[in-house]
Amino acid sequence: MIFLGVGECLGSIGSGFVIDYIGSKNTLVLNAVMIAINGLVLAASTNSLKYNYLSFLMCFLWGIQDSISMSNTMQILGFEFETESEPFGVF
């Protein structure tokens, strides 16, 4: 689970840079790609039936994908509403 936390930290920092460079709508494509990659690694890890490097890679990619989706969602909700408390109440 350490790799999940490392993926969360690196993914949220990277997601901020990507949102700044290509915009929040285009970051959704990056999130879809990360979901597909994570799904492939998950399938490979499940098929191997062993606790090996694929398990660590899966946790790391899961953290990156989760942080990208959370950063993007919070950024979109932050600009959607006029007050500061409504978007996080909706979330």
PDB file of N, CA and C in Angstrom:
ATOM      1  N   MET A   1       0.810  -1.194   0.000  1.00  0.00           N
ATOM      2  CA  MET A   1       0.000   0.000   0.000  1.00  0.00           C
ATOM      3  C   MET A   1       0.858   1.265   0.000  1.00  0.00           C
ATOM      4  N   ILE A   2       2.138   1.106   0.244  1.00  0.00           N
ATOM      5  CA  ILE A   2       3.028   2.258   0.172  1.00  0.00           C
ATOM      6  C   ILE A   2       3.049   2.799  -1.254  1.00  0.00           C
ATOM      7  N   PHE A   3       3.017   1.902  -2.227  1.00  0.00           N
ATOM      8  CA  PHE A   3       3.044   2.330  -3.618  1.00  0.00           C
ATOM      9  C   PHE A   3       1.771   3.067  -3.998  1.00  0.00           C
ATOM     10  N   LEU A   4       0.646   2.736  -3.354  1.00  0.00           N
ATOM     11  CA  LEU A   4      -0.588   3.476  -3.576  1.00  0.00           C
ATOM     12  C   LEU A   4      -0.418   4.924  -3.129  1.00  0.00           C
ATOM     13  N   GLY A   5       0.164   5.127  -1.964  1.00  0.00           N
ATOM     14  CA  GLY A   5       0.395   6.484  -1.461  1.00  0.00           C
ATOM     15  C   GLY A   5       1.379   7.258  -2.301  1.00  0.00           C
ATOM     16  N   VAL A   6       2.441   6.591  -2.747  1.00  0.00           N
ATOM     17  CA  VAL A   6       3.419   7.255  -3.611  1.00  0.00           C
ATOM     18  C   VAL A   6       2.763   7.647  -4.937  1.00  0.00           C
ATOM     19  N   GLY A   7       1.928   6.757  -5.472  1.00  0.00           N
ATOM     20  CA  GLY A   7       1.205   7.069  -6.707  1.00  0.00           C
ATOM     21  C   GLY A   7       0.238   8.222  -6.526  1.00  0.00           C
ATOM     22  N   GLU A   8      -0.423   8.281  -5.366  1.00  0.00           N
ATOM     23  CA  GLU A   8      -1.334   9.400  -5.077  1.00  0.00           C
ATOM     24  C   GLU A   8      -0.575  10.720  -5.062  1.00  0.00           C
ATOM     25  N   CYS A   9       0.567  10.750  -4.389  1.00  0.00           N
ATOM     26  CA  CYS A   9       1.347  11.996  -4.283  1.00  0.00           C
ATOM     27  C   CYS A   9       1.877  12.433  -5.641  1.00  0.00           C
ATOM     28  N   LEU A  10       2.498  11.513  -6.359  1.00  0.00           N
ATOM     29  CA  LEU A  10       3.064  11.869  -7.665  1.00  0.00           C
ATOM     30  C   LEU A  10       1.975  12.184  -8.689  1.00  0.00           C
ATOM     31  N   GLY A  11       0.876  11.463  -8.614  1.00  0.00           N
ATOM     32  CA  GLY A  11      -0.220  11.697  -9.561  1.00  0.00           C
ATOM     33  C   GLY A  11      -0.896  13.032  -9.358  1.00  0.00           C
ATOM     34  N   SER A  12      -1.058  13.454  -8.105  1.00  0.00           N
ATOM     35  CA  SER A  12      -1.708  14.748  -7.874  1.00  0.00           C
ATOM     36  C   SER A  12      -0.814  15.900  -8.305  1.00  0.00           C
ATOM     37  N   ILE A  13       0.478  15.787  -8.088  1.00  0.00           N
ATOM     38  CA  ILE A  13       1.402  16.828  -8.560  1.00  0.00           C
ATOM     39  C   ILE A  13       1.416  16.863 -10.088  1.00  0.00           C
ATOM     40  N   GLY A  14       1.532  15.696 -10.697  1.00  0.00           N
ATOM     41  CA  GLY A  14       1.530  15.626 -12.160  1.00  0.00           C
ATOM     42  C   GLY A  14       0.217  16.070 -12.763  1.00  0.00           C
ATOM     43  N   SER A  15      -0.884  15.757 -12.094  1.00  0.00           N
ATOM     44  CA  SER A  15      -2.193  16.153 -12.588  1.00  0.00           C
ATOM     45  C   SER A  15      -2.340  17.669 -12.595  1.00  0.00           C
ATOM     46  N   GLY A  16      -1.798  18.335 -11.585  1.00  0.00           N
ATOM     47  CA  GLY A  16      -1.851  19.794 -11.558  1.00  0.00           C
ATOM     48  C   GLY A  16      -1.112  20.408 -12.725  1.00  0.00           C
ATOM     49  N   PHE A  17       0.055  19.870 -13.046  1.00  0.00           N
ATOM     50  CA  PHE A  17       0.806  20.367 -14.196  1.00  0.00           C
ATOM     51  C   PHE A  17       0.061  20.114 -15.504  1.00  0.00           C
ATOM     52  N   VAL A  18      -0.534  18.928 -15.626  1.00  0.00           N
ATOM     53  CA  VAL A  18      -1.245  18.585 -16.858  1.00  0.00           C
ATOM     54  C   VAL A  18      -2.484  19.464 -17.019  1.00  0.00           C
ATOM     55  N   ILE A  19      -3.209  19.717 -15.932  1.00  0.00           N
ATOM     56  CA  ILE A  19      -4.390  20.595 -16.008  1.00  0.00           C
ATOM     57  C   ILE A  19      -3.967  21.999 -16.429  1.00  0.00           C
ATOM     58  N   ASP A  20      -2.848  22.482 -15.919  1.00  0.00           N
ATOM     59  CA  ASP A  20      -2.375  23.810 -16.295  1.00  0.00           C
ATOM     60  C   ASP A  20      -1.977  23.889 -17.768  1.00  0.00           C
ATOM     61  N   TYR A  21      -1.371  22.836 -18.305  1.00  0.00           N
ATOM     62  CA  TYR A  21      -0.879  22.879 -19.677  1.00  0.00           C
ATOM     63  C   TYR A  21      -1.948  22.579 -20.720  1.00  0.00           C
ATOM     64  N   ILE A  22      -2.770  21.531 -20.497  1.00  0.00           N
ATOM     65  CA  ILE A  22      -3.711  21.138 -21.552  1.00  0.00           C
ATOM     66  C   ILE A  22      -5.167  21.388 -21.199  1.00  0.00           C
ATOM     67  N   GLY A  23      -5.472  21.808 -19.980  1.00  0.00           N
ATOM     68  CA  GLY A  23      -6.848  22.112 -19.594  1.00  0.00           C
ATOM     69  C   GLY A  23      -7.528  20.940 -18.914  1.00  0.00           C
ATOM     70  N   SER A  24      -8.623  21.262 -18.258  1.00  0.00           N
ATOM     71  CA  SER A  24      -9.306  20.243 -17.462  1.00  0.00           C
ATOM     72  C   SER A  24     -10.082  19.257 -18.323  1.00  0.00           C
ATOM     73  N   LYS A  25     -10.624  19.715 -19.449  1.00  0.00           N
ATOM     74  CA  LYS A  25     -11.387  18.799 -20.304  1.00  0.00           C
ATOM     75  C   LYS A  25     -10.481  17.771 -20.963  1.00  0.00           C
ATOM     76  N   ASN A  26      -9.308  18.192 -21.380  1.00  0.00           N
ATOM     77  CA  ASN A  26      -8.373  17.252 -22.003  1.00  0.00           C
ATOM     78  C   ASN A  26      -7.740  16.316 -20.981  1.00  0.00           C
ATOM     79  N   THR A  27      -7.747  16.704 -19.726  1.00  0.00           N
ATOM     80  CA  THR A  27      -7.223  15.832 -18.677  1.00  0.00           C
ATOM     81  C   THR A  27      -8.124  14.613 -18.493  1.00  0.00           C
ATOM     82  N   LEU A  28      -9.386  14.732 -18.878  1.00  0.00           N
ATOM     83  CA  LEU A  28     -10.281  13.572 -18.815  1.00  0.00           C
ATOM     84  C   LEU A  28      -9.802  12.451 -19.729  1.00  0.00           C
ATOM     85  N   VAL A  29      -9.196  12.804 -20.853  1.00  0.00           N
ATOM     86  CA  VAL A  29      -8.644  11.787 -21.758  1.00  0.00           C
ATOM     87  C   VAL A  29      -7.483  11.068 -21.071  1.00  0.00           C
ATOM     88  N   LEU A  30      -6.641  11.835 -20.386  1.00  0.00           N
ATOM     89  CA  LEU A  30      -5.543  11.230 -19.634  1.00  0.00           C
ATOM     90  C   LEU A  30      -6.079  10.279 -18.565  1.00  0.00           C
ATOM     91  N   ASN A  31      -7.157  10.660 -17.906  1.00  0.00           N
ATOM     92  CA  ASN A  31      -7.759   9.804 -16.891  1.00  0.00           C
ATOM     93  C   ASN A  31      -8.288   8.513 -17.512  1.00  0.00           C
ATOM     94  N   ALA A  32      -8.910   8.613 -18.683  1.00  0.00           N
ATOM     95  CA  ALA A  32      -9.413   7.408 -19.356  1.00  0.00           C
ATOM     96  C   ALA A  32      -8.270   6.489 -19.762  1.00  0.00           C
ATOM     97  N   VAL A  33      -7.157   7.062 -20.214  1.00  0.00           N
ATOM     98  CA  VAL A  33      -5.990   6.253 -20.584  1.00  0.00           C
ATOM     99  C   VAL A  33      -5.423   5.558 -19.355  1.00  0.00           C
ATOM    100  N   MET A  34      -5.358   6.274 -18.238  1.00  0.00           N
ATOM    101  CA  MET A  34      -4.838   5.671 -17.009  1.00  0.00           C
ATOM    102  C   MET A  34      -5.752   4.547 -16.508  1.00  0.00           C
ATOM    103  N   ILE A  35      -7.050   4.702 -16.661  1.00  0.00           N
ATOM    104  CA  ILE A  35      -7.980   3.637 -16.278  1.00  0.00           C
ATOM    105  C   ILE A  35      -7.750   2.400 -17.141  1.00  0.00           C
ATOM    106  N   ALA A  36      -7.526   2.606 -18.444  1.00  0.00           N
ATOM    107  CA  ALA A  36      -7.286   1.475 -19.348  1.00  0.00           C
ATOM    108  C   ALA A  36      -5.969   0.771 -19.008  1.00  0.00           C
ATOM    109  N   ILE A  37      -4.923   1.545 -18.766  1.00  0.00           N
ATOM    110  CA  ILE A  37      -3.630   0.952 -18.408  1.00  0.00           C
ATOM    111  C   ILE A  37      -3.738   0.201 -17.089  1.00  0.00           C
ATOM    112  N   ASN A  38      -4.415   0.807 -16.120  1.00  0.00           N
ATOM    113  CA  ASN A  38      -4.577   0.153 -14.828  1.00  0.00           C
ATOM    114  C   ASN A  38      -5.398  -1.121 -14.959  1.00  0.00           C
ATOM    115  N   GLY A  39      -6.389  -1.119 -15.827  1.00  0.00           N
ATOM    116  CA  GLY A  39      -7.182  -2.329 -16.054  1.00  0.00           C
ATOM    117  C   GLY A  39      -6.362  -3.456 -16.653  1.00  0.00           C
ATOM    118  N   LEU A  40      -5.479  -3.101 -17.586  1.00  0.00           N
ATOM    119  CA  LEU A  40      -4.613  -4.125 -18.194  1.00  0.00           C
ATOM    120  C   LEU A  40      -3.642  -4.710 -17.173  1.00  0.00           C
ATOM    121  N   VAL A  41      -3.054  -3.846 -16.355  1.00  0.00           N
ATOM    122  CA  VAL A  41      -2.131  -4.336 -15.326  1.00  0.00           C
ATOM    123  C   VAL A  41      -2.880  -5.156 -14.283  1.00  0.00           C
ATOM    124  N   LEU A  42      -4.102  -4.747 -13.947  1.00  0.00           N
ATOM    125  CA  LEU A  42      -4.924  -5.514 -13.005  1.00  0.00           C
ATOM    126  C   LEU A  42      -5.232  -6.906 -13.556  1.00  0.00           C
ATOM    127  N   ALA A  43      -5.579  -6.983 -14.835  1.00  0.00           N
ATOM    128  CA  ALA A  43      -5.864  -8.285 -15.443  1.00  0.00           C
ATOM    129  C   ALA A  43      -4.620  -9.166 -15.461  1.00  0.00           C
ATOM    130  N   ALA A  44      -3.479  -8.581 -15.788  1.00  0.00           N
ATOM    131  CA  ALA A  44      -2.235  -9.352 -15.805  1.00  0.00           C
ATOM    132  C   ALA A  44      -1.855  -9.811 -14.406  1.00  0.00           C
ATOM    133  N   SER A  45      -2.051  -8.955 -13.416  1.00  0.00           N
ATOM    134  CA  SER A  45      -1.724  -9.318 -12.038  1.00  0.00           C
ATOM    135  C   SER A  45      -2.652 -10.410 -11.513  1.00  0.00           C
ATOM    136  N   THR A  46      -3.911 -10.327 -11.881  1.00  0.00           N
ATOM    137  CA  THR A  46      -4.872 -11.339 -11.436  1.00  0.00           C
ATOM    138  C   THR A  46      -4.608 -12.683 -12.104  1.00  0.00           C
ATOM    139  N   ASN A  47      -4.227 -12.659 -13.371  1.00  0.00           N
ATOM    140  CA  ASN A  47      -3.961 -13.905 -14.089  1.00  0.00           C
ATOM    141  C   ASN A  47      -2.686 -14.593 -13.629  1.00  0.00           C
ATOM    142  N   SER A  48      -1.741 -13.846 -13.098  1.00  0.00           N
ATOM    143  CA  SER A  48      -0.482 -14.468 -12.685  1.00  0.00           C
ATOM    144  C   SER A  48      -0.626 -15.253 -11.384  1.00  0.00           C
ATOM    145  N   LEU A  49      -1.612 -14.914 -10.569  1.00  0.00           N
ATOM    146  CA  LEU A  49      -1.889 -15.593  -9.291  1.00  0.00           C
ATOM    147  C   LEU A  49      -0.670 -15.623  -8.370  1.00  0.00           C
ATOM    148  N   LYS A  50       0.198 -14.633  -8.511  1.00  0.00           N
ATOM    149  CA  LYS A  50       1.374 -14.528  -7.653  1.00  0.00           C
ATOM    150  C   LYS A  50       1.468 -13.110  -7.136  1.00  0.00           C
ATOM    151  N   TYR A  51       2.122 -12.980  -6.014  1.00  0.00           N
ATOM    152  CA  TYR A  51       2.377 -11.655  -5.440  1.00  0.00           C
ATOM    153  C   TYR A  51       3.752 -11.217  -5.914  1.00  0.00           C
ATOM    154  N   ASN A  52       3.770 -10.479  -7.027  1.00  0.00           N
ATOM    155  CA  ASN A  52       5.049 -10.085  -7.627  1.00  0.00           C
ATOM    156  C   ASN A  52       5.027  -8.602  -7.984  1.00  0.00           C
ATOM    157  N   TYR A  53       5.882  -8.193  -8.878  1.00  0.00           N
ATOM    158  CA  TYR A  53       6.021  -6.781  -9.229  1.00  0.00           C
ATOM    159  C   TYR A  53       4.736  -6.207  -9.827  1.00  0.00           C
ATOM    160  N   LEU A  54       3.903  -7.039 -10.453  1.00  0.00           N
ATOM    161  CA  LEU A  54       2.653  -6.534 -11.022  1.00  0.00           C
ATOM    162  C   LEU A  54       1.705  -6.032  -9.934  1.00  0.00           C
ATOM    163  N   SER A  55       1.765  -6.647  -8.768  1.00  0.00           N
ATOM    164  CA  SER A  55       0.929  -6.187  -7.654  1.00  0.00           C
ATOM    165  C   SER A  55       1.351  -4.788  -7.212  1.00  0.00           C
ATOM    166  N   PHE A  56       2.645  -4.550  -7.141  1.00  0.00           N
ATOM    167  CA  PHE A  56       3.136  -3.231  -6.768  1.00  0.00           C
ATOM    168  C   PHE A  56       2.835  -2.192  -7.850  1.00  0.00           C
ATOM    169  N   LEU A  57       3.003  -2.586  -9.112  1.00  0.00           N
ATOM    170  CA  LEU A  57       2.703  -1.689 -10.219  1.00  0.00           C
ATOM    171  C   LEU A  57       1.220  -1.344 -10.254  1.00  0.00           C
ATOM    172  N   MET A  58       0.372  -2.330  -9.969  1.00  0.00           N
ATOM    173  CA  MET A  58      -1.066  -2.087  -9.943  1.00  0.00           C
ATOM    174  C   MET A  58      -1.427  -1.076  -8.867  1.00  0.00           C
ATOM    175  N   CYS A  59      -0.859  -1.216  -7.673  1.00  0.00           N
ATOM    176  CA  CYS A  59      -1.129  -0.256  -6.598  1.00  0.00           C
ATOM    177  C   CYS A  59      -0.644   1.137  -6.962  1.00  0.00           C
ATOM    178  N   PHE A  60       0.534   1.222  -7.562  1.00  0.00           N
ATOM    179  CA  PHE A  60       1.084   2.513  -7.958  1.00  0.00           C
ATOM    180  C   PHE A  60       0.199   3.189  -9.007  1.00  0.00           C
ATOM    181  N   LEU A  61      -0.199   2.454 -10.041  1.00  0.00           N
ATOM    182  CA  LEU A  61      -1.044   3.020 -11.086  1.00  0.00           C
ATOM    183  C   LEU A  61      -2.439   3.354 -10.563  1.00  0.00           C
ATOM    184  N   TRP A  62      -2.926   2.576  -9.619  1.00  0.00           N
ATOM    185  CA  TRP A  62      -4.218   2.859  -9.001  1.00  0.00           C
ATOM    186  C   TRP A  62      -4.157   4.194  -8.268  1.00  0.00           C
ATOM    187  N   GLY A  63      -3.071   4.449  -7.572  1.00  0.00           N
ATOM    188  CA  GLY A  63      -2.899   5.723  -6.878  1.00  0.00           C
ATOM    189  C   GLY A  63      -2.830   6.887  -7.841  1.00  0.00           C
ATOM    190  N   ILE A  64      -2.102   6.718  -8.935  1.00  0.00           N
ATOM    191  CA  ILE A  64      -2.006   7.784  -9.933  1.00  0.00           C
ATOM    192  C   ILE A  64      -3.372   8.064 -10.539  1.00  0.00           C
ATOM    193  N   GLN A  65      -4.086   7.021 -10.912  1.00  0.00           N
ATOM    194  CA  GLN A  65      -5.395   7.203 -11.536  1.00  0.00           C
ATOM    195  C   GLN A  65      -6.379   7.844 -10.568  1.00  0.00           C
ATOM    196  N   ASP A  66      -6.357   7.440  -9.317  1.00  0.00           N
ATOM    197  CA  ASP A  66      -7.263   8.012  -8.331  1.00  0.00           C
ATOM    198  C   ASP A  66      -6.960   9.486  -8.098  1.00  0.00           C
ATOM    199  N   SER A  67      -5.696   9.833  -8.017  1.00  0.00           N
ATOM    200  CA  SER A  67      -5.346  11.238  -7.776  1.00  0.00           C
ATOM    201  C   SER A  67      -5.668  12.113  -8.981  1.00  0.00           C
ATOM    202  N   ILE A  68      -5.514  11.587 -10.190  1.00  0.00           N
ATOM    203  CA  ILE A  68      -5.874  12.359 -11.376  1.00  0.00           C
ATOM    204  C   ILE A  68      -7.370  12.640 -11.386  1.00  0.00           C
ATOM    205  N   SER A  69      -8.181  11.631 -11.119  1.00  0.00           N
ATOM    206  CA  SER A  69      -9.627  11.837 -11.136  1.00  0.00           C
ATOM    207  C   SER A  69     -10.082  12.757 -10.003  1.00  0.00           C
ATOM    208  N   MET A  70      -9.480  12.626  -8.817  1.00  0.00           N
ATOM    209  CA  MET A  70      -9.873  13.492  -7.698  1.00  0.00           C
ATOM    210  C   MET A  70      -9.435  14.938  -7.943  1.00  0.00           C
ATOM    211  N   SER A  71      -8.235  15.148  -8.436  1.00  0.00           N
ATOM    212  CA  SER A  71      -7.775  16.512  -8.705  1.00  0.00           C
ATOM    213  C   SER A  71      -8.623  17.181  -9.776  1.00  0.00           C
ATOM    214  N   ASN A  72      -8.928  16.437 -10.811  1.00  0.00           N
ATOM    215  CA  ASN A  72      -9.727  16.988 -11.893  1.00  0.00           C
ATOM    216  C   ASN A  72     -11.148  17.287 -11.427  1.00  0.00           C
ATOM    217  N   THR A  73     -11.736  16.400 -10.641  1.00  0.00           N
ATOM    218  CA  THR A  73     -13.090  16.619 -10.130  1.00  0.00           C
ATOM    219  C   THR A  73     -13.139  17.824  -9.211  1.00  0.00           C
ATOM    220  N   MET A  74     -12.181  17.936  -8.315  1.00  0.00           N
ATOM    221  CA  MET A  74     -12.152  19.087  -7.402  1.00  0.00           C
ATOM    222  C   MET A  74     -11.923  20.394  -8.161  1.00  0.00           C
ATOM    223  N   GLN A  75     -11.109  20.376  -9.190  1.00  0.00           N
ATOM    224  CA  GLN A  75     -10.850  21.576  -9.970  1.00  0.00           C
ATOM    225  C   GLN A  75     -12.104  21.999 -10.722  1.00  0.00           C
ATOM    226  N   ILE A  76     -12.813  21.058 -11.306  1.00  0.00           N
ATOM    227  CA  ILE A  76     -14.044  21.382 -12.031  1.00  0.00           C
ATOM    228  C   ILE A  76     -15.108  21.899 -11.075  1.00  0.00           C
ATOM    229  N   LEU A  77     -15.286  21.229  -9.936  1.00  0.00           N
ATOM    230  CA  LEU A  77     -16.290  21.677  -8.972  1.00  0.00           C
ATOM    231  C   LEU A  77     -15.937  23.026  -8.353  1.00  0.00           C
ATOM    232  N   GLY A  78     -14.666  23.324  -8.215  1.00  0.00           N
ATOM    233  CA  GLY A  78     -14.249  24.591  -7.638  1.00  0.00           C
ATOM    234  C   GLY A  78     -14.640  25.788  -8.478  1.00  0.00           C
ATOM    235  N   PHE A  79     -14.727  25.622  -9.788  1.00  0.00           N
ATOM    236  CA  PHE A  79     -15.096  26.730 -10.663  1.00  0.00           C
ATOM    237  C   PHE A  79     -16.557  26.699 -11.077  1.00  0.00           C
ATOM    238  N   GLU A  80     -17.286  25.665 -10.724  1.00  0.00           N
ATOM    239  CA  GLU A  80     -18.668  25.523 -11.160  1.00  0.00           C
ATOM    240  C   GLU A  80     -19.639  26.333 -10.303  1.00  0.00           C
ATOM    241  N   PHE A  81     -19.363  26.489  -9.028  1.00  0.00           N
ATOM    242  CA  PHE A  81     -20.278  27.143  -8.104  1.00  0.00           C
ATOM    243  C   PHE A  81     -19.722  28.484  -7.649  1.00  0.00           C
ATOM    244  N   GLU A  82     -20.632  29.346  -7.180  1.00  0.00           N
ATOM    245  CA  GLU A  82     -20.217  30.684  -6.743  1.00  0.00           C
ATOM    246  C   GLU A  82     -19.607  30.676  -5.343  1.00  0.00           C
ATOM    247  N   THR A  83     -20.147  29.875  -4.442  1.00  0.00           N
ATOM    248  CA  THR A  83     -19.625  29.847  -3.077  1.00  0.00           C
ATOM    249  C   THR A  83     -18.545  28.790  -2.956  1.00  0.00           C
ATOM    250  N   GLU A  84     -17.802  28.846  -1.863  1.00  0.00           N
ATOM    251  CA  GLU A  84     -16.715  27.890  -1.670  1.00  0.00           C
ATOM    252  C   GLU A  84     -17.176  26.586  -1.021  1.00  0.00           C
ATOM    253  N   SER A  85     -18.322  26.587  -0.367  1.00  0.00           N
ATOM    254  CA  SER A  85     -18.748  25.386   0.348  1.00  0.00           C
ATOM    255  C   SER A  85     -19.660  24.487  -0.481  1.00  0.00           C
ATOM    256  N   GLU A  86     -20.405  25.024  -1.434  1.00  0.00           N
ATOM    257  CA  GLU A  86     -21.340  24.212  -2.207  1.00  0.00           C
ATOM    258  C   GLU A  86     -20.678  23.092  -3.001  1.00  0.00           C
ATOM    259  N   PRO A  87     -19.561  23.344  -3.714  1.00  0.00           N
ATOM    260  CA  PRO A  87     -19.011  22.257  -4.533  1.00  0.00           C
ATOM    261  C   PRO A  87     -18.572  21.055  -3.701  1.00  0.00           C
ATOM    262  N   PHE A  88     -18.059  21.289  -2.532  1.00  0.00           N
ATOM    263  CA  PHE A  88     -17.581  20.179  -1.728  1.00  0.00           C
ATOM    264  C   PHE A  88     -18.724  19.493  -1.006  1.00  0.00           C
ATOM    265  N   GLY A  89     -19.846  20.211  -0.813  1.00  0.00           N
ATOM    266  CA  GLY A  89     -21.058  19.576  -0.312  1.00  0.00           C
ATOM    267  C   GLY A  89     -21.671  18.652  -1.352  1.00  0.00           C
ATOM    268  N   VAL A  90     -21.596  19.064  -2.617  1.00  0.00           N
ATOM    269  CA  VAL A  90     -22.092  18.232  -3.707  1.00  0.00           C
ATOM    270  C   VAL A  90     -21.234  16.993  -3.852  1.00  0.00           C
ATOM    271  N   PHE A  91     -19.934  17.184  -3.722  1.00  0.00           N
ATOM    272  CA  PHE A  91     -19.015  16.056  -3.882  1.00  0.00           C
ATOM    273  C   PHE A  91     -19.225  15.041  -2.787  1.00  0.00           C
TER     274      PHE A  91
END
